[in-house]
N, C-alpha and C. Protein backbone atom coordinates (compact mmCIF):
# COMPACT_ATOMS: atom_id res chain seq x y z
N MET A 1 95.86 -211.58 -34.07
CA MET A 1 96.47 -210.49 -34.37
C MET A 1 98.26 -210.32 -33.13
N GLY A 2 98.62 -211.49 -33.01
CA GLY A 2 99.79 -211.38 -32.44
C GLY A 2 98.94 -212.54 -31.14
N GLY A 3 97.39 -213.12 -30.90
CA GLY A 3 97.82 -214.16 -30.05
C GLY A 3 97.49 -212.89 -28.37
N ALA A 4 97.43 -211.81 -28.38
CA ALA A 4 96.83 -211.25 -27.15
C ALA A 4 95.15 -212.27 -27.16
N GLU A 5 94.77 -212.44 -25.88
CA GLU A 5 93.90 -212.52 -25.35
C GLU A 5 93.37 -211.28 -24.58
N PHE A 6 91.32 -211.63 -24.35
CA PHE A 6 91.08 -210.33 -24.27
C PHE A 6 89.70 -210.94 -23.61
N ASP A 7 89.05 -210.56 -22.86
CA ASP A 7 88.02 -211.24 -22.34
C ASP A 7 86.52 -210.61 -22.85
N VAL A 8 85.87 -211.09 -23.69
CA VAL A 8 84.49 -210.52 -23.55
C VAL A 8 83.40 -210.13 -22.88
N SER A 9 82.33 -209.43 -23.63
CA SER A 9 81.06 -208.54 -21.80
C SER A 9 80.30 -208.69 -23.11
N LEU A 10 79.40 -209.35 -22.75
CA LEU A 10 77.94 -209.37 -23.77
C LEU A 10 77.51 -208.71 -23.25
N LEU A 11 76.21 -207.31 -23.41
CA LEU A 11 75.55 -206.66 -22.57
C LEU A 11 73.92 -207.22 -24.32
N GLU A 12 73.63 -206.49 -23.35
CA GLU A 12 72.31 -206.65 -24.09
C GLU A 12 72.09 -205.05 -24.62
N ALA A 13 71.95 -205.60 -26.19
CA ALA A 13 71.77 -204.04 -26.96
C ALA A 13 70.55 -203.21 -26.61
N ASN A 14 69.83 -203.49 -25.85
CA ASN A 14 68.92 -202.64 -26.10
C ASN A 14 69.23 -201.97 -23.96
N ALA A 15 69.95 -202.20 -23.30
CA ALA A 15 69.68 -201.85 -22.32
C ALA A 15 70.63 -200.37 -22.13
N LEU A 16 70.12 -199.97 -20.63
CA LEU A 16 70.78 -198.14 -20.80
C LEU A 16 72.67 -198.76 -21.03
N ALA A 17 72.97 -198.01 -21.55
CA ALA A 17 74.74 -197.46 -21.64
C ALA A 17 75.25 -197.49 -20.61
N ALA A 18 74.19 -196.34 -19.44
CA ALA A 18 74.83 -195.95 -18.55
C ALA A 18 74.99 -196.84 -17.64
N THR A 19 73.96 -197.90 -17.88
CA THR A 19 74.22 -198.65 -16.66
C THR A 19 75.01 -200.11 -16.61
N ALA A 20 75.82 -200.18 -17.81
CA ALA A 20 76.47 -201.24 -18.38
C ALA A 20 77.71 -201.31 -18.13
N VAL A 21 78.20 -202.22 -17.56
CA VAL A 21 79.37 -202.59 -16.34
C VAL A 21 80.46 -201.91 -16.57
N VAL A 22 81.03 -201.40 -15.54
CA VAL A 22 82.00 -199.78 -16.27
C VAL A 22 83.29 -200.52 -15.92
N LYS A 23 84.50 -199.66 -17.07
CA LYS A 23 85.54 -200.40 -17.66
C LYS A 23 86.59 -199.07 -16.56
N PRO A 24 87.21 -198.90 -16.46
CA PRO A 24 88.52 -197.84 -15.61
C PRO A 24 89.19 -197.47 -16.95
N ALA A 25 88.40 -196.42 -17.28
CA ALA A 25 89.68 -195.73 -18.59
C ALA A 25 90.94 -194.95 -17.99
N SER A 26 91.89 -195.51 -18.44
CA SER A 26 93.33 -194.85 -18.12
C SER A 26 93.34 -193.71 -19.62
N VAL A 27 93.56 -192.88 -19.21
CA VAL A 27 93.34 -192.05 -19.63
C VAL A 27 94.00 -190.71 -19.31
N SER A 28 95.04 -189.88 -19.80
CA SER A 28 95.46 -188.94 -19.41
C SER A 28 95.74 -187.71 -20.28
N TRP A 29 95.63 -186.63 -19.54
CA TRP A 29 95.62 -185.22 -21.33
C TRP A 29 95.80 -184.09 -20.66
N PRO A 30 96.23 -182.66 -20.98
CA PRO A 30 96.79 -182.01 -20.17
C PRO A 30 96.17 -181.49 -19.13
N PHE A 31 96.66 -180.26 -18.83
CA PHE A 31 95.96 -179.37 -18.41
C PHE A 31 94.59 -178.89 -18.00
N PRO A 32 94.75 -177.68 -19.05
CA PRO A 32 93.61 -177.13 -19.78
C PRO A 32 92.73 -177.93 -19.72
N ILE A 33 92.49 -178.70 -20.79
CA ILE A 33 91.12 -179.98 -20.86
C ILE A 33 90.63 -180.18 -19.69
N ASP A 34 91.52 -181.13 -18.52
CA ASP A 34 91.41 -181.50 -16.82
C ASP A 34 90.32 -180.05 -16.36
N ARG A 35 91.46 -179.29 -16.76
CA ARG A 35 90.00 -178.26 -15.45
C ARG A 35 89.35 -177.37 -17.14
N ARG A 36 89.52 -177.73 -18.04
CA ARG A 36 87.72 -177.42 -18.63
C ARG A 36 86.98 -178.24 -18.09
N LEU A 37 86.98 -179.92 -18.66
CA LEU A 37 85.70 -180.41 -18.16
C LEU A 37 85.70 -180.33 -16.78
N ASP A 38 86.05 -180.07 -15.12
CA ASP A 38 85.15 -179.14 -14.17
C ASP A 38 84.55 -178.40 -14.32
N GLN A 39 84.56 -176.59 -15.73
CA GLN A 39 84.02 -176.19 -15.69
C GLN A 39 82.37 -176.86 -16.71
N LEU A 40 83.30 -177.60 -17.35
CA LEU A 40 81.04 -177.58 -17.82
C LEU A 40 80.72 -178.90 -16.60
N VAL A 41 81.76 -179.64 -15.95
CA VAL A 41 80.52 -180.22 -15.18
C VAL A 41 79.71 -178.89 -14.25
N GLY A 42 80.31 -177.68 -13.97
CA GLY A 42 80.28 -177.35 -13.26
C GLY A 42 79.06 -176.69 -13.83
N LEU A 43 79.13 -175.83 -14.67
CA LEU A 43 77.92 -175.67 -16.13
C LEU A 43 76.93 -176.71 -16.14
N ALA A 44 77.03 -177.83 -16.32
CA ALA A 44 76.13 -178.94 -16.49
C ALA A 44 75.51 -179.00 -14.97
N ASN A 45 75.25 -179.01 -14.41
CA ASN A 45 75.32 -179.04 -12.78
C ASN A 45 74.08 -177.86 -11.86
N LEU A 46 74.71 -176.69 -12.82
CA LEU A 46 74.04 -175.23 -12.46
C LEU A 46 72.66 -175.38 -13.50
N ALA A 47 72.78 -175.78 -14.23
CA ALA A 47 71.50 -176.21 -15.43
C ALA A 47 70.63 -176.82 -14.35
N GLY A 48 70.84 -178.34 -13.60
CA GLY A 48 70.39 -178.79 -13.16
C GLY A 48 70.56 -180.62 -13.35
N ALA A 49 72.29 -181.06 -13.52
CA ALA A 49 72.40 -181.95 -14.55
C ALA A 49 72.52 -183.44 -12.61
N ASN A 50 73.13 -182.27 -11.88
CA ASN A 50 73.89 -183.30 -10.62
C ASN A 50 74.80 -184.29 -11.22
N THR A 51 76.15 -184.16 -12.35
CA THR A 51 76.02 -185.28 -13.37
C THR A 51 78.24 -185.31 -12.46
N HIS A 52 78.59 -186.04 -12.39
CA HIS A 52 79.59 -186.05 -12.34
C HIS A 52 80.67 -185.61 -13.74
N ARG A 53 82.65 -185.78 -13.66
CA ARG A 53 82.90 -185.71 -14.31
C ARG A 53 82.99 -186.80 -14.99
N HIS A 54 83.16 -188.07 -14.91
CA HIS A 54 83.14 -189.17 -15.06
C HIS A 54 82.17 -189.28 -16.23
N GLU A 55 80.06 -189.10 -15.53
CA GLU A 55 79.52 -189.42 -16.58
C GLU A 55 80.02 -188.35 -17.01
N LEU A 56 79.76 -187.18 -17.85
CA LEU A 56 79.74 -185.60 -18.53
C LEU A 56 81.25 -186.40 -19.64
N ALA A 57 82.30 -186.75 -19.57
CA ALA A 57 83.47 -186.91 -19.79
C ALA A 57 82.37 -188.28 -21.33
N ALA A 58 81.89 -188.77 -20.33
CA ALA A 58 80.66 -190.32 -20.79
C ALA A 58 80.48 -189.69 -22.29
N ALA A 59 79.23 -188.60 -21.84
CA ALA A 59 78.12 -187.60 -22.89
C ALA A 59 78.90 -187.19 -24.01
N LEU A 60 80.52 -186.77 -23.71
CA LEU A 60 81.08 -186.25 -24.83
C LEU A 60 81.62 -187.44 -25.58
N VAL A 61 80.98 -188.61 -25.03
CA VAL A 61 82.27 -188.88 -26.15
C VAL A 61 81.51 -189.92 -26.79
N ALA A 62 80.03 -190.55 -26.19
CA ALA A 62 78.69 -190.84 -27.16
C ALA A 62 78.30 -190.08 -27.25
N ALA A 63 78.41 -188.61 -27.27
CA ALA A 63 77.79 -187.41 -28.73
C ALA A 63 78.46 -187.26 -29.73
N ALA A 64 79.73 -187.90 -30.01
CA ALA A 64 81.06 -187.59 -30.82
C ALA A 64 80.40 -188.35 -32.21
N PRO A 65 80.40 -187.08 -33.80
CA PRO A 65 80.38 -188.67 -35.00
C PRO A 65 80.63 -189.53 -34.87
N ALA A 66 80.25 -190.42 -35.17
CA ALA A 66 80.48 -191.96 -35.62
C ALA A 66 80.99 -191.31 -37.35
N ASP A 67 82.13 -190.52 -37.59
CA ASP A 67 82.82 -190.04 -38.69
C ASP A 67 84.05 -189.63 -38.51
N GLY A 68 84.60 -190.37 -39.61
CA GLY A 68 86.14 -190.75 -39.54
C GLY A 68 86.48 -189.31 -39.48
N GLU A 69 86.07 -188.80 -40.96
CA GLU A 69 85.98 -187.21 -41.41
C GLU A 69 86.07 -186.07 -40.59
N ALA A 70 84.97 -186.11 -39.81
CA ALA A 70 85.02 -185.69 -38.75
C ALA A 70 85.73 -185.43 -38.06
N LEU A 71 85.54 -186.94 -36.96
CA LEU A 71 86.93 -186.47 -36.11
C LEU A 71 88.65 -186.14 -36.91
N LEU A 72 88.28 -186.29 -37.44
CA LEU A 72 89.71 -185.94 -37.97
C LEU A 72 89.87 -184.17 -37.56
N ALA A 73 89.03 -183.58 -38.76
CA ALA A 73 88.44 -182.47 -38.20
C ALA A 73 89.39 -181.59 -36.57
N ALA A 74 88.72 -182.52 -36.00
CA ALA A 74 88.57 -182.14 -34.67
C ALA A 74 89.83 -182.51 -33.84
N VAL A 75 90.66 -183.62 -34.37
CA VAL A 75 91.55 -183.68 -34.16
C VAL A 75 92.74 -182.50 -34.52
N ILE A 76 92.69 -181.84 -35.38
CA ILE A 76 93.22 -180.88 -36.23
C ILE A 76 92.91 -179.31 -35.55
N ALA A 77 91.72 -179.51 -35.55
CA ALA A 77 91.39 -178.46 -34.83
C ALA A 77 92.30 -177.78 -33.27
N TRP A 78 92.06 -179.54 -32.54
CA TRP A 78 92.35 -179.39 -30.85
C TRP A 78 93.87 -179.04 -30.38
N ARG A 79 95.01 -179.56 -31.70
CA ARG A 79 96.23 -179.48 -32.00
C ARG A 79 96.22 -177.57 -31.68
N LYS A 80 95.81 -177.44 -32.23
CA LYS A 80 95.84 -175.29 -32.63
C LYS A 80 95.15 -174.51 -31.44
N GLN A 81 94.22 -174.91 -30.52
CA GLN A 81 94.14 -174.76 -30.31
C GLN A 81 95.41 -173.54 -28.62
N LYS A 82 94.28 -172.38 -28.29
CA LYS A 82 95.66 -172.07 -27.71
C LYS A 82 95.11 -172.55 -26.37
N VAL A 83 95.91 -172.68 -24.57
CA VAL A 83 95.03 -172.89 -23.10
C VAL A 83 94.24 -172.33 -23.04
N ARG A 84 93.89 -171.19 -23.55
CA ARG A 84 92.72 -170.20 -23.53
C ARG A 84 91.77 -169.90 -24.30
N ASP A 85 91.83 -170.99 -25.48
CA ASP A 85 91.16 -171.46 -26.07
C ASP A 85 90.15 -172.70 -25.52
N VAL A 86 90.86 -173.34 -24.77
CA VAL A 86 89.88 -174.42 -23.72
C VAL A 86 89.54 -173.94 -22.38
N VAL A 87 90.05 -172.89 -22.10
CA VAL A 87 90.49 -172.60 -20.04
C VAL A 87 88.80 -171.81 -20.71
N LEU A 88 87.11 -171.62 -19.85
CA LEU A 88 86.94 -170.92 -20.23
C LEU A 88 87.57 -169.76 -18.75
N ASP A 89 86.67 -168.37 -19.90
CA ASP A 89 86.10 -167.48 -18.95
C ASP A 89 87.89 -166.71 -19.00
N VAL A 90 88.64 -166.89 -19.60
CA VAL A 90 90.40 -166.54 -19.39
C VAL A 90 90.22 -164.85 -20.04
N SER A 91 90.41 -164.33 -19.68
CA SER A 91 90.30 -162.53 -20.17
C SER A 91 91.23 -162.80 -21.52
N SER A 92 90.64 -161.73 -22.65
CA SER A 92 90.95 -161.50 -23.94
C SER A 92 92.99 -161.49 -23.60
N THR A 93 93.22 -160.60 -22.09
CA THR A 93 93.86 -160.20 -22.49
C THR A 93 95.41 -160.11 -21.14
N ALA A 94 94.62 -161.22 -20.87
CA ALA A 94 95.71 -162.28 -19.71
C ALA A 94 96.78 -163.08 -20.63
N GLU A 95 97.90 -163.02 -19.30
CA GLU A 95 99.03 -163.74 -20.46
C GLU A 95 99.55 -165.48 -20.14
N VAL A 96 98.59 -164.87 -18.42
CA VAL A 96 99.56 -166.43 -18.12
C VAL A 96 97.85 -166.69 -17.01
N VAL A 97 97.64 -168.58 -17.61
CA VAL A 97 96.66 -168.65 -17.37
C VAL A 97 96.60 -169.54 -15.66
N GLU A 98 95.92 -169.52 -13.82
CA GLU A 98 96.07 -170.13 -13.34
C GLU A 98 95.74 -171.08 -13.29
N LEU A 99 95.78 -171.84 -12.99
CA LEU A 99 94.72 -173.35 -13.32
C LEU A 99 94.63 -174.47 -11.81
N PRO A 100 93.95 -174.41 -10.95
CA PRO A 100 94.08 -174.82 -9.80
C PRO A 100 94.46 -176.19 -9.95
N ARG A 101 94.93 -177.13 -9.27
CA ARG A 101 95.58 -178.37 -9.67
C ARG A 101 95.38 -179.26 -7.86
N TYR A 102 94.71 -180.97 -8.01
CA TYR A 102 94.10 -181.21 -7.34
C TYR A 102 94.66 -182.47 -7.00
N PRO A 103 94.93 -183.16 -5.97
CA PRO A 103 95.52 -184.19 -5.65
C PRO A 103 94.24 -185.57 -6.31
N PRO A 104 95.10 -186.78 -7.25
CA PRO A 104 94.61 -188.19 -7.00
C PRO A 104 93.73 -188.48 -6.30
N GLY A 105 92.88 -188.76 -6.74
CA GLY A 105 91.42 -189.67 -5.82
C GLY A 105 90.70 -188.70 -6.50
N ARG A 106 88.74 -189.41 -5.59
CA ARG A 106 87.77 -188.72 -5.87
C ARG A 106 88.10 -186.55 -5.69
N ARG A 107 87.38 -186.25 -5.52
CA ARG A 107 87.30 -185.23 -5.36
C ARG A 107 85.85 -184.54 -4.78
N ALA A 108 86.01 -183.98 -3.79
CA ALA A 108 84.19 -183.04 -2.46
C ALA A 108 84.11 -182.53 -4.17
N ALA A 109 82.30 -183.02 -3.13
CA ALA A 109 81.18 -182.26 -4.32
C ALA A 109 81.38 -180.79 -4.06
N ARG A 110 81.89 -179.83 -5.15
CA ARG A 110 82.05 -178.43 -4.93
C ARG A 110 81.31 -178.00 -6.73
N GLY A 111 81.56 -177.01 -7.21
CA GLY A 111 80.89 -176.15 -8.82
C GLY A 111 82.61 -175.86 -9.02
N ALA A 112 82.57 -175.98 -10.37
CA ALA A 112 83.65 -175.49 -10.54
C ALA A 112 84.43 -174.05 -10.69
């Protein structure tokens, strides 16, 4: 396929995936999704998870069905969602949703 070279990582099949070599993800997504991830981390931590954005995002990807039709349905549903559908705790009467914006880099430990 075009002769592109790449490295191969050999991973023990029975090792915990959460402890495997880390590959930085290059993900860009809309602000409402970023806010929702923060909110979900906060909810998980209130339940005792002691987690961070990267771990929850990895858990959600790992939990996604390995079914093309189900993934297609999820993508179509995502494309139809409004900001109020994505960001938690938005009033049904809100006309504007205010989202906090953070500088790049690690965030200080705090709730959502």
